[in-house]
C-alpha cells in the first residue's frame, strides 16, 4: 500500500466536498476508509524520512477535508434553518461571530 494512493483519494474527497457531490463524497470516504485500514497493518511505517514526510502531507489533507466537512455541515444547517427546519446554533458563521 502506497501513501500516494491515500493522497490521491484525499484529493478526490476534498474536491467532492468543494463540489458538494454527495455520491462522490461517499465513494471517496469508503475508499479512504479501506486504505486507512490497510495502513494500520503496515509494519515500520515511520522507518524513513520520506515516509514521515508523506504522512505529514496526508495529515494536512486530512485536516483540510475535516475543515471543509465542518463548513459544509454548517452550510447545510444554515439552509435548513432558513427553511424553518432546524434551530440549532451554527458552529461557524455569523451567529458565532456575534454570539
PDB file of N, CA and C in Angstrom:
ATOM      1  N   UNK A   1       0.846  -1.174   0.000  1.00  0.00           N
ATOM      2  CA  UNK A   1       0.000   0.000   0.000  1.00  0.00           C
ATOM      3  C   UNK A   1       0.893   1.238   0.000  1.00  0.00           C
ATOM      4  N   UNK A   2       0.637   2.116  -0.920  1.00  0.00           N
ATOM      5  CA  UNK A   2       1.451   3.322  -1.053  1.00  0.00           C
ATOM      6  C   UNK A   2       0.702   4.531  -0.508  1.00  0.00           C
ATOM      7  N   UNK A   3       1.451   5.418   0.101  1.00  0.00           N
ATOM      8  CA  UNK A   3       0.850   6.624   0.657  1.00  0.00           C
ATOM      9  C   UNK A   3       0.300   7.536  -0.428  1.00  0.00           C
ATOM     10  N   UNK A   4       0.839   7.418  -1.643  1.00  0.00           N
ATOM     11  CA  UNK A   4       0.325   8.259  -2.728  1.00  0.00           C
ATOM     12  C   UNK A   4      -1.116   7.895  -3.078  1.00  0.00           C
ATOM     13  N   UNK A   5      -1.525   6.652  -2.809  1.00  0.00           N
ATOM     14  CA  UNK A   5      -2.925   6.270  -3.025  1.00  0.00           C
ATOM     15  C   UNK A   5      -3.832   7.010  -2.045  1.00  0.00           C
ATOM     16  N   UNK A   6      -3.392   7.081  -0.786  1.00  0.00           N
ATOM     17  CA  UNK A   6      -4.170   7.813   0.216  1.00  0.00           C
ATOM     18  C   UNK A   6      -4.233   9.286  -0.169  1.00  0.00           C
ATOM     19  N   UNK A   7      -3.117   9.823  -0.602  1.00  0.00           N
ATOM     20  CA  UNK A   7      -3.051  11.224  -1.026  1.00  0.00           C
ATOM     21  C   UNK A   7      -4.060  11.484  -2.148  1.00  0.00           C
ATOM     22  N   UNK A   8      -4.086  10.613  -3.142  1.00  0.00           N
ATOM     23  CA  UNK A   8      -4.995  10.785  -4.284  1.00  0.00           C
ATOM     24  C   UNK A   8      -6.458  10.715  -3.855  1.00  0.00           C
ATOM     25  N   UNK A   9      -6.782   9.776  -2.974  1.00  0.00           N
ATOM     26  CA  UNK A   9      -8.171   9.643  -2.523  1.00  0.00           C
ATOM     27  C   UNK A   9      -8.568  10.846  -1.670  1.00  0.00           C
ATOM     28  N   UNK A  10      -7.651  11.364  -0.871  1.00  0.00           N
ATOM     29  CA  UNK A  10      -7.965  12.551  -0.083  1.00  0.00           C
ATOM     30  C   UNK A  10      -8.199  13.760  -0.987  1.00  0.00           C
ATOM     31  N   UNK A  11      -7.411  13.882  -2.035  1.00  0.00           N
ATOM     32  CA  UNK A  11      -7.639  14.962  -3.006  1.00  0.00           C
ATOM     33  C   UNK A  11      -9.026  14.813  -3.635  1.00  0.00           C
ATOM     34  N   UNK A  12      -9.394  13.573  -3.948  1.00  0.00           N
ATOM     35  CA  UNK A  12     -10.713  13.296  -4.518  1.00  0.00           C
ATOM     36  C   UNK A  12     -11.819  13.680  -3.532  1.00  0.00           C
ATOM     37  N   UNK A  13     -11.619  13.355  -2.255  1.00  0.00           N
ATOM     38  CA  UNK A  13     -12.600  13.695  -1.227  1.00  0.00           C
ATOM     39  C   UNK A  13     -12.730  15.206  -1.074  1.00  0.00           C
ATOM     40  N   UNK A  14     -11.620  15.912  -1.046  1.00  0.00           N
ATOM     41  CA  UNK A  14     -11.654  17.367  -0.918  1.00  0.00           C
ATOM     42  C   UNK A  14     -12.377  17.991  -2.106  1.00  0.00           C
ATOM     43  N   UNK A  15     -12.103  17.505  -3.293  1.00  0.00           N
ATOM     44  CA  UNK A  15     -12.783  18.010  -4.485  1.00  0.00           C
ATOM     45  C   UNK A  15     -14.290  17.762  -4.402  1.00  0.00           C
ATOM     46  N   UNK A  16     -14.664  16.571  -3.949  1.00  0.00           N
ATOM     47  CA  UNK A  16     -16.087  16.242  -3.814  1.00  0.00           C
ATOM     48  C   UNK A  16     -16.754  17.131  -2.768  1.00  0.00           C
ATOM     49  N   UNK A  17     -16.055  17.393  -1.658  1.00  0.00           N
ATOM     50  CA  UNK A  17     -16.600  18.285  -0.635  1.00  0.00           C
ATOM     51  C   UNK A  17     -16.759  19.696  -1.180  1.00  0.00           C
ATOM     52  N   UNK A  18     -15.781  20.165  -1.935  1.00  0.00           N
ATOM     53  CA  UNK A  18     -15.867  21.501  -2.533  1.00  0.00           C
ATOM     54  C   UNK A  18     -17.020  21.599  -3.523  1.00  0.00           C
ATOM     55  N   UNK A  19     -17.264  20.508  -4.261  1.00  0.00           N
ATOM     56  CA  UNK A  19     -18.330  20.491  -5.264  1.00  0.00           C
ATOM     57  C   UNK A  19     -19.698  20.167  -4.670  1.00  0.00           C
ATOM     58  N   UNK A  20     -19.716  19.665  -3.431  1.00  0.00           N
ATOM     59  CA  UNK A  20     -20.984  19.258  -2.821  1.00  0.00           C
ATOM     60  C   UNK A  20     -21.567  18.018  -3.467  1.00  0.00           C
ATOM     61  N   UNK A  21     -20.719  17.164  -4.017  1.00  0.00           N
ATOM     62  CA  UNK A  21     -21.142  15.945  -4.708  1.00  0.00           C
ATOM     63  C   UNK A  21     -21.274  14.804  -3.700  1.00  0.00           C
ATOM     64  N   UNK A  22     -22.495  14.574  -3.212  1.00  0.00           N
ATOM     65  CA  UNK A  22     -22.728  13.590  -2.151  1.00  0.00           C
ATOM     66  C   UNK A  22     -22.296  12.185  -2.551  1.00  0.00           C
ATOM     67  N   UNK A  23     -22.579  11.786  -3.772  1.00  0.00           N
ATOM     68  CA  UNK A  23     -22.209  10.440  -4.225  1.00  0.00           C
ATOM     69  C   UNK A  23     -20.691  10.261  -4.227  1.00  0.00           C
ATOM     70  N   UNK A  24     -19.978  11.258  -4.717  1.00  0.00           N
ATOM     71  CA  UNK A  24     -18.515  11.176  -4.751  1.00  0.00           C
ATOM     72  C   UNK A  24     -17.922  11.270  -3.344  1.00  0.00           C
ATOM     73  N   UNK A  25     -18.562  12.034  -2.463  1.00  0.00           N
ATOM     74  CA  UNK A  25     -18.112  12.091  -1.066  1.00  0.00           C
ATOM     75  C   UNK A  25     -18.192  10.703  -0.447  1.00  0.00           C
ATOM     76  N   UNK A  26     -19.304  10.018  -0.655  1.00  0.00           N
ATOM     77  CA  UNK A  26     -19.471   8.665  -0.108  1.00  0.00           C
ATOM     78  C   UNK A  26     -18.462   7.699  -0.719  1.00  0.00           C
ATOM     79  N   UNK A  27     -18.265   7.787  -2.014  1.00  0.00           N
ATOM     80  CA  UNK A  27     -17.326   6.898  -2.696  1.00  0.00           C
ATOM     81  C   UNK A  27     -15.899   7.113  -2.198  1.00  0.00           C
ATOM     82  N   UNK A  28     -15.485   8.370  -2.120  1.00  0.00           N
ATOM     83  CA  UNK A  28     -14.128   8.678  -1.662  1.00  0.00           C
ATOM     84  C   UNK A  28     -13.941   8.308  -0.196  1.00  0.00           C
ATOM     85  N   UNK A  29     -14.969   8.517   0.613  1.00  0.00           N
ATOM     86  CA  UNK A  29     -14.889   8.162   2.030  1.00  0.00           C
ATOM     87  C   UNK A  29     -14.724   6.663   2.208  1.00  0.00           C
ATOM     88  N   UNK A  30     -15.464   5.887   1.438  1.00  0.00           N
ATOM     89  CA  UNK A  30     -15.349   4.428   1.502  1.00  0.00           C
ATOM     90  C   UNK A  30     -13.958   3.975   1.070  1.00  0.00           C
ATOM     91  N   UNK A  31     -13.465   4.549  -0.011  1.00  0.00           N
ATOM     92  CA  UNK A  31     -12.126   4.191  -0.497  1.00  0.00           C
ATOM     93  C   UNK A  31     -11.054   4.582   0.520  1.00  0.00           C
ATOM     94  N   UNK A  32     -11.204   5.752   1.117  1.00  0.00           N
ATOM     95  CA  UNK A  32     -10.232   6.211   2.105  1.00  0.00           C
ATOM     96  C   UNK A  32     -10.245   5.320   3.345  1.00  0.00           C
ATOM     97  N   UNK A  33     -11.418   4.923   3.781  1.00  0.00           N
ATOM     98  CA  UNK A  33     -11.515   4.036   4.947  1.00  0.00           C
ATOM     99  C   UNK A  33     -10.795   2.715   4.689  1.00  0.00           C
ATOM    100  N   UNK A  34     -10.956   2.166   3.493  1.00  0.00           N
ATOM    101  CA  UNK A  34     -10.289   0.906   3.155  1.00  0.00           C
ATOM    102  C   UNK A  34      -8.769   1.074   3.141  1.00  0.00           C
ATOM    103  N   UNK A  35      -8.295   2.171   2.571  1.00  0.00           N
ATOM    104  CA  UNK A  35      -6.850   2.415   2.535  1.00  0.00           C
ATOM    105  C   UNK A  35      -6.273   2.628   3.931  1.00  0.00           C
ATOM    106  N   UNK A  36      -7.010   3.327   4.772  1.00  0.00           N
ATOM    107  CA  UNK A  36      -6.528   3.561   6.132  1.00  0.00           C
ATOM    108  C   UNK A  36      -6.516   2.274   6.946  1.00  0.00           C
ATOM    109  N   UNK A  37      -7.443   1.392   6.663  1.00  0.00           N
ATOM    110  CA  UNK A  37      -7.443   0.086   7.330  1.00  0.00           C
ATOM    111  C   UNK A  37      -6.191  -0.703   6.946  1.00  0.00           C
ATOM    112  N   UNK A  38      -5.814  -0.639   5.678  1.00  0.00           N
ATOM    113  CA  UNK A  38      -4.577  -1.288   5.229  1.00  0.00           C
ATOM    114  C   UNK A  38      -3.364  -0.665   5.908  1.00  0.00           C
ATOM    115  N   UNK A  39      -3.410   0.644   6.100  1.00  0.00           N
ATOM    116  CA  UNK A  39      -2.297   1.366   6.700  1.00  0.00           C
ATOM    117  C   UNK A  39      -2.020   0.888   8.123  1.00  0.00           C
ATOM    118  N   UNK A  40      -3.067   0.536   8.843  1.00  0.00           N
ATOM    119  CA  UNK A  40      -2.898   0.059  10.218  1.00  0.00           C
ATOM    120  C   UNK A  40      -2.047  -1.198  10.297  1.00  0.00           C
ATOM    121  N   UNK A  41      -2.103  -2.014   9.268  1.00  0.00           N
ATOM    122  CA  UNK A  41      -1.371  -3.279   9.262  1.00  0.00           C
ATOM    123  C   UNK A  41       0.032  -3.162   8.679  1.00  0.00           C
ATOM    124  N   UNK A  42       0.443  -1.957   8.310  1.00  0.00           N
ATOM    125  CA  UNK A  42       1.754  -1.763   7.696  1.00  0.00           C
ATOM    126  C   UNK A  42       2.830  -1.679   8.776  1.00  0.00           C
ATOM    127  N   UNK A  43       3.800  -2.597   8.765  1.00  0.00           N
ATOM    128  CA  UNK A  43       4.869  -2.544   9.768  1.00  0.00           C
ATOM    129  C   UNK A  43       5.896  -1.462   9.431  1.00  0.00           C
ATOM    130  N   UNK A  44       6.514  -0.937  10.447  1.00  0.00           N
ATOM    131  CA  UNK A  44       7.607   0.040  10.305  1.00  0.00           C
ATOM    132  C   UNK A  44       7.231   1.205   9.392  1.00  0.00           C
ATOM    133  N   UNK A  45       6.071   1.753   9.626  1.00  0.00           N
ATOM    134  CA  UNK A  45       5.564   2.833   8.779  1.00  0.00           C
ATOM    135  C   UNK A  45       6.453   4.075   8.832  1.00  0.00           C
ATOM    136  N   UNK A  46       7.026   4.341   9.983  1.00  0.00           N
ATOM    137  CA  UNK A  46       7.825   5.555  10.148  1.00  0.00           C
ATOM    138  C   UNK A  46       9.316   5.308   9.932  1.00  0.00           C
ATOM    139  N   UNK A  47       9.653   4.277   9.193  1.00  0.00           N
ATOM    140  CA  UNK A  47      11.049   3.861   9.051  1.00  0.00           C
ATOM    141  C   UNK A  47      11.920   4.874   8.317  1.00  0.00           C
ATOM    142  N   UNK A  48      11.378   5.608   7.395  1.00  0.00           N
ATOM    143  CA  UNK A  48      12.221   6.509   6.607  1.00  0.00           C
ATOM    144  C   UNK A  48      11.712   7.947   6.678  1.00  0.00           C
ATOM    145  N   UNK A  49      12.610   8.864   6.415  1.00  0.00           N
ATOM    146  CA  UNK A  49      12.260  10.286   6.381  1.00  0.00           C
ATOM    147  C   UNK A  49      11.234  10.555   5.278  1.00  0.00           C
ATOM    148  N   UNK A  50      11.388   9.882   4.154  1.00  0.00           N
ATOM    149  CA  UNK A  50      10.455  10.052   3.031  1.00  0.00           C
ATOM    150  C   UNK A  50       9.034   9.667   3.437  1.00  0.00           C
ATOM    151  N   UNK A  51       8.889   8.554   4.159  1.00  0.00           N
ATOM    152  CA  UNK A  51       7.555   8.130   4.595  1.00  0.00           C
ATOM    153  C   UNK A  51       6.980   9.091   5.623  1.00  0.00           C
ATOM    154  N   UNK A  52       7.824   9.593   6.517  1.00  0.00           N
ATOM    155  CA  UNK A  52       7.337  10.562   7.506  1.00  0.00           C
ATOM    156  C   UNK A  52       6.830  11.824   6.814  1.00  0.00           C
ATOM    157  N   UNK A  53       7.559  12.288   5.814  1.00  0.00           N
ATOM    158  CA  UNK A  53       7.135  13.480   5.068  1.00  0.00           C
ATOM    159  C   UNK A  53       5.839  13.218   4.309  1.00  0.00           C
ATOM    160  N   UNK A  54       5.719  12.034   3.724  1.00  0.00           N
ATOM    161  CA  UNK A  54       4.485  11.678   3.021  1.00  0.00           C
ATOM    162  C   UNK A  54       3.312  11.631   3.994  1.00  0.00           C
ATOM    163  N   UNK A  55       3.534  11.100   5.183  1.00  0.00           N
ATOM    164  CA  UNK A  55       2.479  11.059   6.195  1.00  0.00           C
ATOM    165  C   UNK A  55       2.083  12.462   6.647  1.00  0.00           C
ATOM    166  N   UNK A  56       3.039  13.365   6.722  1.00  0.00           N
ATOM    167  CA  UNK A  56       2.722  14.750   7.079  1.00  0.00           C
ATOM    168  C   UNK A  56       1.839  15.394   6.014  1.00  0.00           C
ATOM    169  N   UNK A  57       2.123  15.121   4.746  1.00  0.00           N
ATOM    170  CA  UNK A  57       1.280  15.655   3.663  1.00  0.00           C
ATOM    171  C   UNK A  57      -0.126  15.064   3.740  1.00  0.00           C
ATOM    172  N   UNK A  58      -0.212  13.770   4.017  1.00  0.00           N
ATOM    173  CA  UNK A  58      -1.510  13.104   4.150  1.00  0.00           C
ATOM    174  C   UNK A  58      -2.277  13.709   5.330  1.00  0.00           C
ATOM    175  N   UNK A  59      -1.583  13.974   6.429  1.00  0.00           N
ATOM    176  CA  UNK A  59      -2.224  14.571   7.601  1.00  0.00           C
ATOM    177  C   UNK A  59      -2.779  15.953   7.277  1.00  0.00           C
ATOM    178  N   UNK A  60      -2.034  16.757   6.529  1.00  0.00           N
ATOM    179  CA  UNK A  60      -2.516  18.089   6.146  1.00  0.00           C
ATOM    180  C   UNK A  60      -3.772  17.993   5.281  1.00  0.00           C
ATOM    181  N   UNK A  61      -3.806  17.013   4.388  1.00  0.00           N
ATOM    182  CA  UNK A  61      -5.002  16.820   3.564  1.00  0.00           C
ATOM    183  C   UNK A  61      -6.181  16.372   4.421  1.00  0.00           C
ATOM    184  N   UNK A  62      -5.921  15.546   5.415  1.00  0.00           N
ATOM    185  CA  UNK A  62      -6.989  15.113   6.321  1.00  0.00           C
ATOM    186  C   UNK A  62      -7.584  16.307   7.051  1.00  0.00           C
ATOM    187  N   UNK A  63      -6.727  17.202   7.505  1.00  0.00           N
ATOM    188  CA  UNK A  63      -7.208  18.402   8.180  1.00  0.00           C
ATOM    189  C   UNK A  63      -8.010  19.284   7.226  1.00  0.00           C
ATOM    190  N   UNK A  64      -7.547  19.414   6.002  1.00  0.00           N
ATOM    191  CA  UNK A  64      -8.271  20.219   5.009  1.00  0.00           C
ATOM    192  C   UNK A  64      -9.648  19.630   4.737  1.00  0.00           C
ATOM    193  N   UNK A  65      -9.730  18.323   4.625  1.00  0.00           N
ATOM    194  CA  UNK A  65     -11.022  17.668   4.401  1.00  0.00           C
ATOM    195  C   UNK A  65     -11.935  17.869   5.605  1.00  0.00           C
ATOM    196  N   UNK A  66     -11.390  17.770   6.806  1.00  0.00           N
ATOM    197  CA  UNK A  66     -12.196  17.956   8.018  1.00  0.00           C
ATOM    198  C   UNK A  66     -12.755  19.376   8.096  1.00  0.00           C
ATOM    199  N   UNK A  67     -11.936  20.374   7.769  1.00  0.00           N
ATOM    200  CA  UNK A  67     -12.420  21.756   7.771  1.00  0.00           C
ATOM    201  C   UNK A  67     -13.552  21.934   6.770  1.00  0.00           C
ATOM    202  N   UNK A  68     -13.374  21.389   5.584  1.00  0.00           N
ATOM    203  CA  UNK A  68     -14.413  21.508   4.560  1.00  0.00           C
ATOM    204  C   UNK A  68     -15.695  20.816   5.005  1.00  0.00           C
ATOM    205  N   UNK A  69     -15.566  19.675   5.647  1.00  0.00           N
ATOM    206  CA  UNK A  69     -16.740  18.945   6.114  1.00  0.00           C
ATOM    207  C   UNK A  69     -17.496  19.753   7.162  1.00  0.00           C
ATOM    208  N   UNK A  70     -16.782  20.394   8.062  1.00  0.00           N
ATOM    209  CA  UNK A  70     -17.439  21.227   9.077  1.00  0.00           C
ATOM    210  C   UNK A  70     -18.178  22.396   8.436  1.00  0.00           C
ATOM    211  N   UNK A  71     -17.540  23.031   7.480  1.00  0.00           N
ATOM    212  CA  UNK A  71     -18.175  24.157   6.794  1.00  0.00           C
ATOM    213  C   UNK A  71     -19.390  23.687   6.004  1.00  0.00           C
ATOM    214  N   UNK A  72     -19.272  22.559   5.312  1.00  0.00           N
ATOM    215  CA  UNK A  72     -20.397  22.005   4.563  1.00  0.00           C
ATOM    216  C   UNK A  72     -21.561  21.674   5.495  1.00  0.00           C
ATOM    217  N   UNK A  73     -21.253  21.120   6.662  1.00  0.00           N
ATOM    218  CA  UNK A  73     -22.290  20.805   7.648  1.00  0.00           C
ATOM    219  C   UNK A  73     -22.993  22.073   8.107  1.00  0.00           C
ATOM    220  N   UNK A  74     -22.226  23.110   8.407  1.00  0.00           N
ATOM    221  CA  UNK A  74     -22.841  24.365   8.829  1.00  0.00           C
ATOM    222  C   UNK A  74     -23.657  25.009   7.716  1.00  0.00           C
ATOM    223  N   UNK A  75     -23.180  24.935   6.490  1.00  0.00           N
ATOM    224  CA  UNK A  75     -23.957  25.477   5.370  1.00  0.00           C
ATOM    225  C   UNK A  75     -25.284  24.750   5.239  1.00  0.00           C
ATOM    226  N   UNK A  76     -25.262  23.440   5.410  1.00  0.00           N
ATOM    227  CA  UNK A  76     -26.498  22.659   5.341  1.00  0.00           C
ATOM    228  C   UNK A  76     -27.436  23.053   6.471  1.00  0.00           C
ATOM    229  N   UNK A  77     -26.899  23.181   7.675  1.00  0.00           N
ATOM    230  CA  UNK A  77     -27.729  23.602   8.814  1.00  0.00           C
ATOM    231  C   UNK A  77     -28.314  24.996   8.593  1.00  0.00           C
ATOM    232  N   UNK A  78     -27.503  25.879   8.028  1.00  0.00           N
ATOM    233  CA  UNK A  78     -27.985  27.238   7.757  1.00  0.00           C
ATOM    234  C   UNK A  78     -29.153  27.203   6.767  1.00  0.00           C
ATOM    235  N   UNK A  79     -29.025  26.397   5.744  1.00  0.00           N
ATOM    236  CA  UNK A  79     -30.113  26.290   4.757  1.00  0.00           C
ATOM    237  C   UNK A  79     -31.371  25.709   5.389  1.00  0.00           C
ATOM    238  N   UNK A  80     -31.196  24.684   6.223  1.00  0.00           N
ATOM    239  CA  UNK A  80     -32.352  24.101   6.907  1.00  0.00           C
ATOM    240  C   UNK A  80     -32.998  25.111   7.850  1.00  0.00           C
ATOM    241  N   UNK A  81     -32.188  25.910   8.522  1.00  0.00           N
ATOM    242  CA  UNK A  81     -32.726  26.932   9.414  1.00  0.00           C
ATOM    243  C   UNK A  81     -33.517  27.969   8.628  1.00  0.00           C
ATOM    244  N   UNK A  82     -33.022  28.347   7.456  1.00  0.00           N
ATOM    245  CA  UNK A  82     -33.747  29.304   6.614  1.00  0.00           C
ATOM    246  C   UNK A  82     -35.088  28.747   6.164  1.00  0.00           C
ATOM    247  N   UNK A  83     -35.136  27.440   6.003  1.00  0.00           N
ATOM    248  CA  UNK A  83     -36.391  26.793   5.622  1.00  0.00           C
ATOM    249  C   UNK A  83     -37.283  26.532   6.832  1.00  0.00           C
ATOM    250  N   UNK A  84     -36.774  26.830   8.021  1.00  0.00           N
ATOM    251  CA  UNK A  84     -37.549  26.618   9.236  1.00  0.00           C
ATOM    252  C   UNK A  84     -37.507  25.190   9.733  1.00  0.00           C
ATOM    253  N   UNK A  85     -36.541  24.417   9.265  1.00  0.00           N
ATOM    254  CA  UNK A  85     -36.466  23.004   9.623  1.00  0.00           C
ATOM    255  C   UNK A  85     -35.534  22.733  10.796  1.00  0.00           C
ATOM    256  N   UNK A  86     -34.715  23.694  11.169  1.00  0.00           N
ATOM    257  CA  UNK A  86     -33.735  23.450  12.222  1.00  0.00           C
ATOM    258  C   UNK A  86     -33.450  24.748  12.962  1.00  0.00           C
ATOM    259  N   UNK A  87     -33.286  24.652  14.261  1.00  0.00           N
ATOM    260  CA  UNK A  87     -32.999  25.858  15.036  1.00  0.00           C
ATOM    261  C   UNK A  87     -31.697  25.753  15.824  1.00  0.00           C
ATOM    262  N   UNK A  88     -30.911  24.702  15.610  1.00  0.00           N
ATOM    263  CA  UNK A  88     -29.645  24.523  16.316  1.00  0.00           C
ATOM    264  C   UNK A  88     -28.648  25.601  15.894  1.00  0.00           C
ATOM    265  N   UNK A  89     -27.893  26.110  16.880  1.00  0.00           N
ATOM    266  CA  UNK A  89     -26.922  27.162  16.591  1.00  0.00           C
ATOM    267  C   UNK A  89     -25.757  26.607  15.775  1.00  0.00           C
ATOM    268  N   UNK A  90     -25.257  27.414  14.860  1.00  0.00           N
ATOM    269  CA  UNK A  90     -24.160  27.016  13.993  1.00  0.00           C
ATOM    270  C   UNK A  90     -22.835  27.015  14.741  1.00  0.00           C
ATOM    271  N   UNK A  91     -21.933  26.161  14.301  1.00  0.00           N
ATOM    272  CA  UNK A  91     -20.585  26.147  14.865  1.00  0.00           C
ATOM    273  C   UNK A  91     -19.731  27.237  14.244  1.00  0.00           C
ATOM    274  N   UNK A  92     -19.982  27.540  12.982  1.00  0.00           N
ATOM    275  CA  UNK A  92     -19.236  28.547  12.236  1.00  0.00           C
ATOM    276  C   UNK A  92     -20.240  29.488  11.607  1.00  0.00           C
ATOM    277  N   UNK A  93     -19.841  30.706  11.353  1.00  0.00           N
ATOM    278  CA  UNK A  93     -20.719  31.617  10.649  1.00  0.00           C
ATOM    279  C   UNK A  93     -21.104  32.827  11.474  1.00  0.00           C
ATOM    280  N   UNK A  94     -22.094  33.605  10.984  1.00  0.00           N
ATOM    281  CA  UNK A  94     -22.447  34.887  11.573  1.00  0.00           C
ATOM    282  C   UNK A  94     -22.868  34.815  13.042  1.00  0.00           C
ATOM    283  N   UNK A  95     -23.628  33.798  13.429  1.00  0.00           N
ATOM    284  CA  UNK A  95     -24.095  33.722  14.811  1.00  0.00           C
ATOM    285  C   UNK A  95     -22.929  33.578  15.788  1.00  0.00           C
ATOM    286  N   UNK A  96     -21.926  32.853  15.397  1.00  0.00           N
ATOM    287  CA  UNK A  96     -20.765  32.657  16.262  1.00  0.00           C
ATOM    288  C   UNK A  96     -20.022  33.968  16.444  1.00  0.00           C
ATOM    289  N   UNK A  97     -19.874  34.726  15.365  1.00  0.00           N
ATOM    290  CA  UNK A  97     -19.153  35.997  15.422  1.00  0.00           C
ATOM    291  C   UNK A  97     -19.883  36.998  16.312  1.00  0.00           C
ATOM    292  N   UNK A  98     -21.201  36.987  16.276  1.00  0.00           N
ATOM    293  CA  UNK A  98     -21.999  37.909  17.072  1.00  0.00           C
ATOM    294  C   UNK A  98     -22.080  37.431  18.512  1.00  0.00           C
ATOM    295  N   UNK A  99     -22.244  36.109  18.676  1.00  0.00           N
ATOM    296  CA  UNK A  99     -22.552  35.496  19.952  1.00  0.00           C
ATOM    297  C   UNK A  99     -21.477  35.447  20.925  1.00  0.00           C
TER     298      UNK A  99
END
